[in-house]
C-alpha atoms as a PDB file:
ATOM      1  CA  UNK A   1      10.920-105.436 127.360  1.00  0.00           C
ATOM      2  CA  UNK A   2      10.760-108.903 128.806  1.00  0.00           C
ATOM      3  CA  UNK A   3      10.495-110.220 132.330  1.00  0.00           C
ATOM      4  CA  UNK A   4      13.541-110.347 134.578  1.00  0.00           C
ATOM      5  CA  UNK A   5      15.154-113.760 134.471  1.00  0.00           C
ATOM      6  CA  UNK A   6      15.914-113.443 138.178  1.00  0.00           C
ATOM      7  CA  UNK A   7      12.171-113.182 138.780  1.00  0.00           C
ATOM      8  CA  UNK A   8      11.396-116.212 136.679  1.00  0.00           C
ATOM      9  CA  UNK A   9      13.984-118.269 138.524  1.00  0.00           C
ATOM     10  CA  UNK A  10      12.382-117.200 141.783  1.00  0.00           C
ATOM     11  CA  UNK A  11       8.901-118.026 140.534  1.00  0.00           C
ATOM     12  CA  UNK A  12       9.857-121.390 139.173  1.00  0.00           C
ATOM     13  CA  UNK A  13      11.533-122.264 142.450  1.00  0.00           C
ATOM     14  CA  UNK A  14       8.348-121.398 144.296  1.00  0.00           C
ATOM     15  CA  UNK A  15       6.299-123.557 141.954  1.00  0.00           C
ATOM     16  CA  UNK A  16       8.669-126.465 142.427  1.00  0.00           C
ATOM     17  CA  UNK A  17       8.659-125.965 146.199  1.00  0.00           C
ATOM     18  CA  UNK A  18       5.030-126.883 146.640  1.00  0.00           C
ATOM     19  CA  UNK A  19       2.586-124.995 144.471  1.00  0.00           C
ATOM     20  CA  UNK A  20       1.885-127.939 142.179  1.00  0.00           C
ATOM     21  CA  UNK A  21      -1.692-129.094 141.744  1.00  0.00           C
ATOM     22  CA  UNK A  22      -2.799-132.556 140.774  1.00  0.00           C
ATOM     23  CA  UNK A  23      -6.242-133.255 139.464  1.00  0.00           C
ATOM     24  CA  UNK A  24      -8.237-134.164 136.361  1.00  0.00           C
ATOM     25  CA  UNK A  25      -7.912-130.667 134.896  1.00  0.00           C
ATOM     26  CA  UNK A  26      -4.116-130.694 135.147  1.00  0.00           C
ATOM     27  CA  UNK A  27      -3.914-134.222 133.756  1.00  0.00           C
ATOM     28  CA  UNK A  28      -6.080-133.325 130.780  1.00  0.00           C
ATOM     29  CA  UNK A  29      -4.048-130.166 130.117  1.00  0.00           C
ATOM     30  CA  UNK A  30      -0.808-132.142 129.830  1.00  0.00           C
ATOM     31  CA  UNK A  31      -2.311-134.134 126.990  1.00  0.00           C
ATOM     32  CA  UNK A  32      -3.753-131.171 125.064  1.00  0.00           C
ATOM     33  CA  UNK A  33      -2.087-129.623 121.992  1.00  0.00           C
ATOM     34  CA  UNK A  34      -0.584-126.162 122.241  1.00  0.00           C
ATOM     35  CA  UNK A  35      -3.007-123.297 121.826  1.00  0.00           C
ATOM     36  CA  UNK A  36      -2.295-121.357 118.634  1.00  0.00           C
ATOM     37  CA  UNK A  37      -3.359-117.821 117.749  1.00  0.00           C
ATOM     38  CA  UNK A  38      -3.446-116.068 114.346  1.00  0.00           C
ATOM     39  CA  UNK A  39      -1.493-113.000 113.294  1.00  0.00           C
ATOM     40  CA  UNK A  40      -4.447-110.874 112.132  1.00  0.00           C
ATOM     41  CA  UNK A  41      -2.636-109.180 109.237  1.00  0.00           C
ATOM     42  CA  UNK A  42      -1.813-112.470 107.496  1.00  0.00           C
ATOM     43  CA  UNK A  43      -3.613-115.322 109.227  1.00  0.00           C
ATOM     44  CA  UNK A  44      -0.299-117.058 110.033  1.00  0.00           C
ATOM     45  CA  UNK A  45      -0.744-119.021 113.235  1.00  0.00           C
ATOM     46  CA  UNK A  46       1.701-118.980 116.151  1.00  0.00           C
ATOM     47  CA  UNK A  47       1.936-121.125 119.285  1.00  0.00           C
ATOM     48  CA  UNK A  48       0.596-119.043 122.170  1.00  0.00           C
ATOM     49  CA  UNK A  49       3.788-119.014 124.259  1.00  0.00           C
ATOM     50  CA  UNK A  50       7.139-117.426 123.462  1.00  0.00           C
ATOM     51  CA  UNK A  51      10.518-116.771 125.044  1.00  0.00           C
ATOM     52  CA  UNK A  52      11.896-113.375 126.037  1.00  0.00           C
ATOM     53  CA  UNK A  53      15.688-112.996 126.204  1.00  0.00           C
ATOM     54  CA  UNK A  54      16.311-109.952 128.382  1.00  0.00           C
ATOM     55  CA  UNK A  55      18.915-110.411 131.139  1.00  0.00           C
ATOM     56  CA  UNK A  56      19.147-114.214 131.348  1.00  0.00           C
ATOM     57  CA  UNK A  57      20.423-114.493 127.784  1.00  0.00           C
ATOM     58  CA  UNK A  58      22.956-111.716 128.374  1.00  0.00           C
ATOM     59  CA  UNK A  59      25.880-114.078 128.952  1.00  0.00           C
ATOM     60  CA  UNK A  60      29.305-114.557 127.422  1.00  0.00           C
ATOM     61  CA  UNK A  61      29.151-115.913 123.887  1.00  0.00           C
ATOM     62  CA  UNK A  62      30.892-119.135 124.874  1.00  0.00           C
ATOM     63  CA  UNK A  63      29.677-122.701 124.662  1.00  0.00           C
ATOM     64  CA  UNK A  64      29.805-123.324 128.428  1.00  0.00           C
ATOM     65  CA  UNK A  65      27.794-120.157 129.173  1.00  0.00           C
ATOM     66  CA  UNK A  66      25.237-120.728 126.464  1.00  0.00           C
ATOM     67  CA  UNK A  67      24.759-124.489 126.946  1.00  0.00           C
ATOM     68  CA  UNK A  68      21.820-124.241 129.427  1.00  0.00           C
ATOM     69  CA  UNK A  69      20.168-121.673 127.174  1.00  0.00           C
ATOM     70  CA  UNK A  70      20.568-123.899 124.135  1.00  0.00           C
ATOM     71  CA  UNK A  71      19.021-126.747 126.127  1.00  0.00           C
ATOM     72  CA  UNK A  72      16.073-124.495 127.028  1.00  0.00           C
ATOM     73  CA  UNK A  73      15.551-123.417 123.418  1.00  0.00           C
ATOM     74  CA  UNK A  74      15.851-126.975 122.134  1.00  0.00           C
ATOM     75  CA  UNK A  75      13.236-128.095 124.674  1.00  0.00           C
ATOM     76  CA  UNK A  76      11.026-125.172 123.672  1.00  0.00           C
ATOM     77  CA  UNK A  77      11.178-126.214 120.016  1.00  0.00           C
ATOM     78  CA  UNK A  78      10.598-129.867 120.905  1.00  0.00           C
ATOM     79  CA  UNK A  79       7.419-128.871 122.756  1.00  0.00           C
ATOM     80  CA  UNK A  80       6.154-126.920 119.743  1.00  0.00           C
ATOM     81  CA  UNK A  81       7.340-123.400 120.605  1.00  0.00           C
ATOM     82  CA  UNK A  82       8.388-120.917 117.918  1.00  0.00           C
ATOM     83  CA  UNK A  83       8.404-117.275 119.073  1.00  0.00           C
ATOM     84  CA  UNK A  84      11.636-115.872 120.541  1.00  0.00           C
ATOM     85  CA  UNK A  85      11.977-112.148 121.223  1.00  0.00           C
ATOM     86  CA  UNK A  86      15.186-110.187 121.735  1.00  0.00           C
ATOM     87  CA  UNK A  87      16.623-106.674 121.246  1.00  0.00           C
ATOM     88  CA  UNK A  88      19.935-104.912 120.557  1.00  0.00           C
ATOM     89  CA  UNK A  89      19.650-103.312 124.002  1.00  0.00           C
ATOM     90  CA  UNK A  90      19.679-106.686 125.776  1.00  0.00           C
ATOM     91  CA  UNK A  91      23.453-106.812 126.072  1.00  0.00           C
ATOM     92  CA  UNK A  92      24.829-109.914 124.339  1.00  0.00           C
ATOM     93  CA  UNK A  93      21.397-111.547 123.898  1.00  0.00           C
ATOM     94  CA  UNK A  94      21.301-111.163 120.110  1.00  0.00           C
ATOM     95  CA  UNK A  95      24.797-112.661 119.787  1.00  0.00           C
ATOM     96  CA  UNK A  96      23.929-115.523 122.120  1.00  0.00           C
ATOM     97  CA  UNK A  97      20.678-116.217 120.325  1.00  0.00           C
ATOM     98  CA  UNK A  98      22.448-116.196 116.965  1.00  0.00           C
ATOM     99  CA  UNK A  99      24.834-118.839 118.279  1.00  0.00           C
ATOM    100  CA  UNK A 100      22.288-121.156 119.859  1.00  0.00           C
ATOM    101  CA  UNK A 101      19.883-120.963 116.903  1.00  0.00           C
ATOM    102  CA  UNK A 102      22.393-122.562 114.541  1.00  0.00           C
ATOM    103  CA  UNK A 103      20.525-125.547 113.155  1.00  0.00           C
ATOM    104  CA  UNK A 104      17.231-124.287 114.618  1.00  0.00           C
ATOM    105  CA  UNK A 105      16.676-121.009 112.774  1.00  0.00           C
ATOM    106  CA  UNK A 106      14.040-122.387 110.392  1.00  0.00           C
ATOM    107  CA  UNK A 107      11.962-123.556 113.363  1.00  0.00           C
ATOM    108  CA  UNK A 108      11.846-120.137 115.058  1.00  0.00           C
ATOM    109  CA  UNK A 109       9.704-117.030 114.650  1.00  0.00           C
ATOM    110  CA  UNK A 110      12.488-114.544 115.430  1.00  0.00           C
ATOM    111  CA  UNK A 111      11.696-111.053 116.726  1.00  0.00           C
ATOM    112  CA  UNK A 112      13.963-108.160 117.622  1.00  0.00           C
ATOM    113  CA  UNK A 113      13.719-104.387 117.921  1.00  0.00           C
ATOM    114  CA  UNK A 114      15.207-101.044 116.894  1.00  0.00           C
ATOM    115  CA  UNK A 115      15.724 -98.253 119.414  1.00  0.00           C
ATOM    116  CA  UNK A 116      18.047 -95.809 117.649  1.00  0.00           C
ATOM    117  CA  UNK A 117      17.235 -92.174 116.895  1.00  0.00           C
ATOM    118  CA  UNK A 118      17.830 -90.888 113.377  1.00  0.00           C
ATOM    119  CA  UNK A 119      17.849 -92.778 110.106  1.00  0.00           C
ATOM    120  CA  UNK A 120      21.572 -93.512 109.872  1.00  0.00           C
ATOM    121  CA  UNK A 121      21.792 -94.839 113.433  1.00  0.00           C
ATOM    122  CA  UNK A 122      18.657 -96.942 113.045  1.00  0.00           C
ATOM    123  CA  UNK A 123      19.815 -98.469 109.767  1.00  0.00           C
ATOM    124  CA  UNK A 124      23.172 -99.312 111.341  1.00  0.00           C
ATOM    125  CA  UNK A 125      21.466-100.875 114.361  1.00  0.00           C
ATOM    126  CA  UNK A 126      19.197-103.085 112.262  1.00  0.00           C
ATOM    127  CA  UNK A 127      22.124-104.257 110.141  1.00  0.00           C
ATOM    128  CA  UNK A 128      23.975-105.201 113.325  1.00  0.00           C
ATOM    129  CA  UNK A 129      20.948-107.233 114.412  1.00  0.00           C
ATOM    130  CA  UNK A 130      21.066-109.292 111.199  1.00  0.00           C
ATOM    131  CA  UNK A 131      24.775-109.882 111.746  1.00  0.00           C
ATOM    132  CA  UNK A 132      24.512-110.710 115.445  1.00  0.00           C
ATOM    133  CA  UNK A 133      21.552-113.030 114.915  1.00  0.00           C
ATOM    134  CA  UNK A 134      23.425-114.740 112.043  1.00  0.00           C
ATOM    135  CA  UNK A 135      20.456-114.574 109.705  1.00  0.00           C
ATOM    136  CA  UNK A 136      19.533-112.829 106.472  1.00  0.00           C
ATOM    137  CA  UNK A 137      15.825-112.657 107.354  1.00  0.00           C
ATOM    138  CA  UNK A 138      14.110-111.649 110.602  1.00  0.00           C
ATOM    139  CA  UNK A 139      10.436-112.364 111.142  1.00  0.00           C
ATOM    140  CA  UNK A 140       9.599-109.240 113.145  1.00  0.00           C
ATOM    141  CA  UNK A 141      11.369-106.014 114.016  1.00  0.00           C
ATOM    142  CA  UNK A 142       9.492-103.608 116.290  1.00  0.00           C
ATOM    143  CA  UNK A 143      10.181-100.013 117.289  1.00  0.00           C
ATOM    144  CA  UNK A 144      11.354-100.339 120.889  1.00  0.00           C
ATOM    145  CA  UNK A 145       9.531 -98.155 123.428  1.00  0.00           C
ATOM    146  CA  UNK A 146       8.122 -95.900 120.686  1.00  0.00           C
ATOM    147  CA  UNK A 147      11.565 -94.368 120.093  1.00  0.00           C
ATOM    148  CA  UNK A 148      11.556 -92.157 116.964  1.00  0.00           C
ATOM    149  CA  UNK A 149       8.505 -94.123 115.867  1.00  0.00           C
ATOM    150  CA  UNK A 150       7.693 -92.567 112.484  1.00  0.00           C
ATOM    151  CA  UNK A 151      11.274 -92.621 111.218  1.00  0.00           C
ATOM    152  CA  UNK A 152      11.941 -96.144 112.453  1.00  0.00           C
ATOM    153  CA  UNK A 153       8.689 -97.516 111.046  1.00  0.00           C
ATOM    154  CA  UNK A 154       9.624 -96.075 107.660  1.00  0.00           C
ATOM    155  CA  UNK A 155      12.949 -97.933 107.800  1.00  0.00           C
ATOM    156  CA  UNK A 156      11.260-101.158 108.851  1.00  0.00           C
ATOM    157  CA  UNK A 157       8.689-100.925 106.077  1.00  0.00           C
ATOM    158  CA  UNK A 158      11.552-100.534 103.621  1.00  0.00           C
ATOM    159  CA  UNK A 159      13.092-103.746 104.955  1.00  0.00           C
ATOM    160  CA  UNK A 160       9.717-105.440 104.670  1.00  0.00           C
ATOM    161  CA  UNK A 161       9.386-104.384 101.030  1.00  0.00           C
ATOM    162  CA  UNK A 162      12.777-105.959 100.381  1.00  0.00           C
ATOM    163  CA  UNK A 163      11.591-109.161 102.108  1.00  0.00           C
ATOM    164  CA  UNK A 164      14.312-108.914 104.741  1.00  0.00           C
ATOM    165  CA  UNK A 165      11.701-108.801 107.488  1.00  0.00           C
ATOM    166  CA  UNK A 166       8.149-110.140 107.490  1.00  0.00           C
ATOM    167  CA  UNK A 167       6.359-108.021 110.082  1.00  0.00           C
ATOM    168  CA  UNK A 168       6.665-104.601 111.745  1.00  0.00           C
ATOM    169  CA  UNK A 169       5.461-103.415 115.126  1.00  0.00           C
ATOM    170  CA  UNK A 170       6.010-101.263 118.209  1.00  0.00           C
ATOM    171  CA  UNK A 171       6.660-101.998 121.881  1.00  0.00           C
ATOM    172  CA  UNK A 172       6.006-100.429 125.286  1.00  0.00           C
ATOM    173  CA  UNK A 173       6.465-101.731 128.826  1.00  0.00           C
ATOM    174  CA  UNK A 174       4.890 -99.098 131.104  1.00  0.00           C
ATOM    175  CA  UNK A 175       1.326 -97.923 131.684  1.00  0.00           C
ATOM    176  CA  UNK A 176       2.349 -94.287 131.245  1.00  0.00           C
ATOM    177  CA  UNK A 177       3.152 -95.016 127.585  1.00  0.00           C
ATOM    178  CA  UNK A 178      -0.403 -96.099 126.778  1.00  0.00           C
ATOM    179  CA  UNK A 179      -1.757 -92.722 125.607  1.00  0.00           C
ATOM    180  CA  UNK A 180       1.054 -92.340 123.082  1.00  0.00           C
ATOM    181  CA  UNK A 181       0.640 -95.980 122.112  1.00  0.00           C
ATOM    182  CA  UNK A 182      -3.062 -95.525 121.399  1.00  0.00           C
ATOM    183  CA  UNK A 183      -2.242 -92.623 119.090  1.00  0.00           C
ATOM    184  CA  UNK A 184       0.277 -94.758 117.209  1.00  0.00           C
ATOM    185  CA  UNK A 185      -2.149 -97.701 116.952  1.00  0.00           C
ATOM    186  CA  UNK A 186      -4.822 -95.447 115.474  1.00  0.00           C
ATOM    187  CA  UNK A 187      -2.429 -93.736 113.046  1.00  0.00           C
ATOM    188  CA  UNK A 188      -0.167 -96.548 111.810  1.00  0.00           C
ATOM    189  CA  UNK A 189      -0.815 -99.873 110.115  1.00  0.00           C
ATOM    190  CA  UNK A 190       1.042-102.385 112.292  1.00  0.00           C
ATOM    191  CA  UNK A 191       1.391-106.142 112.391  1.00  0.00           C
ATOM    192  CA  UNK A 192       2.450-106.451 116.054  1.00  0.00           C
ATOM    193  CA  UNK A 193       2.304-104.709 119.387  1.00  0.00           C
ATOM    194  CA  UNK A 194       4.273-105.676 122.485  1.00  0.00           C
ATOM    195  CA  UNK A 195       2.795-104.459 125.771  1.00  0.00           C
ATOM    196  CA  UNK A 196       2.930-105.020 129.528  1.00  0.00           C
ATOM    197  CA  UNK A 197      -0.014-106.959 130.936  1.00  0.00           C
ATOM    198  CA  UNK A 198      -0.286-109.211 133.994  1.00  0.00           C
ATOM    199  CA  UNK A 199      -2.768-110.421 136.594  1.00  0.00           C
ATOM    200  CA  UNK A 200      -1.780-107.563 138.903  1.00  0.00           C
ATOM    201  CA  UNK A 201      -1.259-105.013 136.088  1.00  0.00           C
ATOM    202  CA  UNK A 202      -4.453-104.999 134.051  1.00  0.00           C
ATOM    203  CA  UNK A 203      -4.688-101.497 132.604  1.00  0.00           C
ATOM    204  CA  UNK A 204      -3.806-102.666 129.072  1.00  0.00           C
ATOM    205  CA  UNK A 205      -7.093-104.608 128.990  1.00  0.00           C
ATOM    206  CA  UNK A 206      -9.118-101.412 129.339  1.00  0.00           C
ATOM    207  CA  UNK A 207      -8.261 -99.715 126.033  1.00  0.00           C
ATOM    208  CA  UNK A 208      -4.997-100.956 124.496  1.00  0.00           C
ATOM    209  CA  UNK A 209      -5.896-104.619 123.970  1.00  0.00           C
ATOM    210  CA  UNK A 210      -9.391-103.874 122.593  1.00  0.00           C
ATOM    211  CA  UNK A 211      -7.889-101.273 120.242  1.00  0.00           C
ATOM    212  CA  UNK A 212      -5.248-103.735 119.035  1.00  0.00           C
ATOM    213  CA  UNK A 213      -7.992-106.273 118.363  1.00  0.00           C
ATOM    214  CA  UNK A 214     -10.067-103.669 116.522  1.00  0.00           C
ATOM    215  CA  UNK A 215      -7.070-102.631 114.410  1.00  0.00           C
ATOM    216  CA  UNK A 216      -6.060-106.219 113.601  1.00  0.00           C
ATOM    217  CA  UNK A 217      -2.740-106.122 115.460  1.00  0.00           C
ATOM    218  CA  UNK A 218      -1.124-109.211 117.012  1.00  0.00           C
ATOM    219  CA  UNK A 219      -0.124-108.781 120.664  1.00  0.00           C
ATOM    220  CA  UNK A 220       2.947-110.066 122.475  1.00  0.00           C
ATOM    221  CA  UNK A 221       2.810-109.596 126.244  1.00  0.00           C
ATOM    222  CA  UNK A 222       5.971-108.733 128.131  1.00  0.00           C
ATOM    223  CA  UNK A 223       6.389-108.924 131.937  1.00  0.00           C
ATOM    224  CA  UNK A 224       3.449-111.381 132.267  1.00  0.00           C
ATOM    225  CA  UNK A 225       4.618-112.212 135.802  1.00  0.00           C
ATOM    226  CA  UNK A 226       4.673-108.531 136.779  1.00  0.00           C
ATOM    227  CA  UNK A 227       8.442-108.812 137.347  1.00  0.00           C
ATOM    228  CA  UNK A 228       8.776-110.092 140.922  1.00  0.00           C
ATOM    229  CA  UNK A 229       5.443-108.761 142.192  1.00  0.00           C
ATOM    230  CA  UNK A 230       3.213-111.778 141.539  1.00  0.00           C
ATOM    231  CA  UNK A 231       5.572-114.458 142.800  1.00  0.00           C
ATOM    232  CA  UNK A 232       6.364-112.349 145.868  1.00  0.00           C
ATOM    233  CA  UNK A 233       2.660-111.895 146.576  1.00  0.00           C
ATOM    234  CA  UNK A 234       1.952-115.644 146.572  1.00  0.00           C
ATOM    235  CA  UNK A 235       5.115-116.818 148.295  1.00  0.00           C
ATOM    236  CA  UNK A 236       4.290-119.728 150.580  1.00  0.00           C
ATOM    237  CA  UNK A 237       0.686-119.952 149.389  1.00  0.00           C
ATOM    238  CA  UNK A 238      -0.854-122.923 147.546  1.00  0.00           C
ATOM    239  CA  UNK A 239      -2.420-122.459 144.133  1.00  0.00           C
ATOM    240  CA  UNK A 240      -6.179-122.114 144.812  1.00  0.00           C
ATOM    241  CA  UNK A 241      -8.324-125.208 144.303  1.00  0.00           C
ATOM    242  CA  UNK A 242     -10.482-123.541 141.642  1.00  0.00           C
ATOM    243  CA  UNK A 243      -7.416-123.429 139.338  1.00  0.00           C
ATOM    244  CA  UNK A 244      -7.733-127.214 138.933  1.00  0.00           C
ATOM    245  CA  UNK A 245     -10.750-126.628 136.729  1.00  0.00           C
ATOM    246  CA  UNK A 246      -8.614-125.005 134.022  1.00  0.00           C
ATOM    247  CA  UNK A 247      -5.586-127.254 134.421  1.00  0.00           C
ATOM    248  CA  UNK A 248      -3.102-125.121 136.365  1.00  0.00           C
ATOM    249  CA  UNK A 249      -0.162-127.098 137.748  1.00  0.00           C
ATOM    250  CA  UNK A 250       1.865-124.139 139.130  1.00  0.00           C
ATOM    251  CA  UNK A 251       1.728-120.446 139.944  1.00  0.00           C
ATOM    252  CA  UNK A 252       3.501-119.662 136.647  1.00  0.00           C
ATOM    253  CA  UNK A 253       0.705-121.394 134.753  1.00  0.00           C
ATOM    254  CA  UNK A 254      -1.903-119.580 136.859  1.00  0.00           C
ATOM    255  CA  UNK A 255      -0.440-116.196 135.877  1.00  0.00           C
ATOM    256  CA  UNK A 256       0.126-117.098 132.223  1.00  0.00           C
ATOM    257  CA  UNK A 257      -3.318-118.626 131.700  1.00  0.00           C
ATOM    258  CA  UNK A 258      -4.845-115.399 132.965  1.00  0.00           C
ATOM    259  CA  UNK A 259      -2.973-113.428 130.292  1.00  0.00           C
ATOM    260  CA  UNK A 260      -3.801-115.920 127.548  1.00  0.00           C
ATOM    261  CA  UNK A 261      -7.488-115.903 128.455  1.00  0.00           C
ATOM    262  CA  UNK A 262      -7.699-112.441 126.896  1.00  0.00           C
ATOM    263  CA  UNK A 263      -8.424-113.249 123.254  1.00  0.00           C
ATOM    264  CA  UNK A 264      -6.547-110.154 122.040  1.00  0.00           C
ATOM    265  CA  UNK A 265      -3.275-111.713 123.249  1.00  0.00           C
ATOM    266  CA  UNK A 266      -1.294-113.660 120.658  1.00  0.00           C
ATOM    267  CA  UNK A 267       1.444-114.854 123.011  1.00  0.00           C
ATOM    268  CA  UNK A 268       3.147-113.917 126.276  1.00  0.00           C
ATOM    269  CA  UNK A 269       6.957-113.921 126.182  1.00  0.00           C
ATOM    270  CA  UNK A 270       8.221-114.789 129.678  1.00  0.00           C
ATOM    271  CA  UNK A 271      11.910-115.404 130.150  1.00  0.00           C
ATOM    272  CA  UNK A 272      12.890-119.064 130.093  1.00  0.00           C
ATOM    273  CA  UNK A 273      16.532-119.813 130.808  1.00  0.00           C
ATOM    274  CA  UNK A 274      16.226-123.471 131.826  1.00  0.00           C
ATOM    275  CA  UNK A 275      14.445-126.435 130.257  1.00  0.00           C
ATOM    276  CA  UNK A 276      12.398-127.071 133.413  1.00  0.00           C
ATOM    277  CA  UNK A 277      10.920-123.572 133.220  1.00  0.00           C
ATOM    278  CA  UNK A 278      10.170-124.063 129.540  1.00  0.00           C
ATOM    279  CA  UNK A 279       8.177-127.180 130.397  1.00  0.00           C
ATOM    280  CA  UNK A 280       6.254-125.399 133.158  1.00  0.00           C
ATOM    281  CA  UNK A 281       5.445-122.270 131.138  1.00  0.00           C
ATOM    282  CA  UNK A 282       4.491-124.192 128.010  1.00  0.00           C
ATOM    283  CA  UNK A 283       1.922-126.036 130.114  1.00  0.00           C
ATOM    284  CA  UNK A 284      -0.011-122.777 130.399  1.00  0.00           C
ATOM    285  CA  UNK A 285      -0.666-122.860 126.643  1.00  0.00           C
ATOM    286  CA  UNK A 286      -2.385-126.235 126.830  1.00  0.00           C
ATOM    287  CA  UNK A 287      -5.862-127.191 127.940  1.00  0.00           C
ATOM    288  CA  UNK A 288      -8.731-124.934 128.868  1.00  0.00           C
ATOM    289  CA  UNK A 289      -8.275-121.270 129.710  1.00  0.00           C
ATOM    290  CA  UNK A 290     -10.212-119.564 132.517  1.00  0.00           C
ATOM    291  CA  UNK A 291     -13.587-118.124 131.553  1.00  0.00           C
ATOM    292  CA  UNK A 292     -14.776-114.633 132.507  1.00  0.00           C
ATOM    293  CA  UNK A 293     -16.084-115.678 135.934  1.00  0.00           C
ATOM    294  CA  UNK A 294     -12.869-117.554 136.716  1.00  0.00           C
ATOM    295  CA  UNK A 295     -10.797-114.572 135.614  1.00  0.00           C
ATOM    296  CA  UNK A 296     -12.705-112.405 138.089  1.00  0.00           C
ATOM    297  CA  UNK A 297     -11.948-114.934 140.839  1.00  0.00           C
ATOM    298  CA  UNK A 298      -8.252-114.827 139.874  1.00  0.00           C
ATOM    299  CA  UNK A 299      -8.284-111.033 140.043  1.00  0.00           C
ATOM    300  CA  UNK A 300     -10.033-111.053 143.416  1.00  0.00           C
ATOM    301  CA  UNK A 301      -7.581-113.618 144.754  1.00  0.00           C
ATOM    302  CA  UNK A 302      -4.463-111.693 143.744  1.00  0.00           C
ATOM    303  CA  UNK A 303      -5.936-108.334 144.818  1.00  0.00           C
ATOM    304  CA  UNK A 304      -6.523-109.784 148.301  1.00  0.00           C
ATOM    305  CA  UNK A 305      -3.038-111.190 148.966  1.00  0.00           C
END
């Protein structure tokens, strides 16, 4: 599950309205290469920032509706981005993504999900994803929200054996799914996990992220802005001066750098529906990340607002 696009629009507007920092840290960060992280099961390296497509990519499959999204994706690729995550349950998002990736497919690490119950329904859903995404190979398909996990993983592993997909995984988006998730992580051999984790929602760091690291599972982070909670909490406030030291130029970068500073995280996948938000969010994956002491200061700051 990815962050609400409405929230990201709100957050980006706040950043543009006056939360920008200028200083040597921010200047250095703009010149740094993108941070990359390995997929533990293969060693393949991915840029440490992706795009989620829930809600804001659920538009009519028409050129005028998809044009701003194509511009955002093209800017994302130009800045070195690769990972784009979607799902059959995100309305028209798969169809829209299939359209706007024409000519760009070979530059993208494409991820989607399966959420059907029962073998026949799940097989039909995955085949629709290939058709809607206009591709004969998908990089990652994950079992969405641990729905019919064993059956769906068996189907996905069959697709992997046929080289139609490259990686398999599971997703959750709520803390109350963590106990079941831990059981699955311990029982199954997975390539990827997608989980909720944010500066104001840190429970995943207690057991889930360490377990994923122990089990050699790559981690995508959904809702890294905590939906609208984080931007609402800091509305009208300046980014703290100490954020200059690790190159933060906006609140979005402040929140994303916190997530990325956990070494178990492969990439967050915030929604990015406009090129200007792509540029802002991608800045979080450049330059230095906050160290342990700085992360504690970030936690204390957000807990106090």
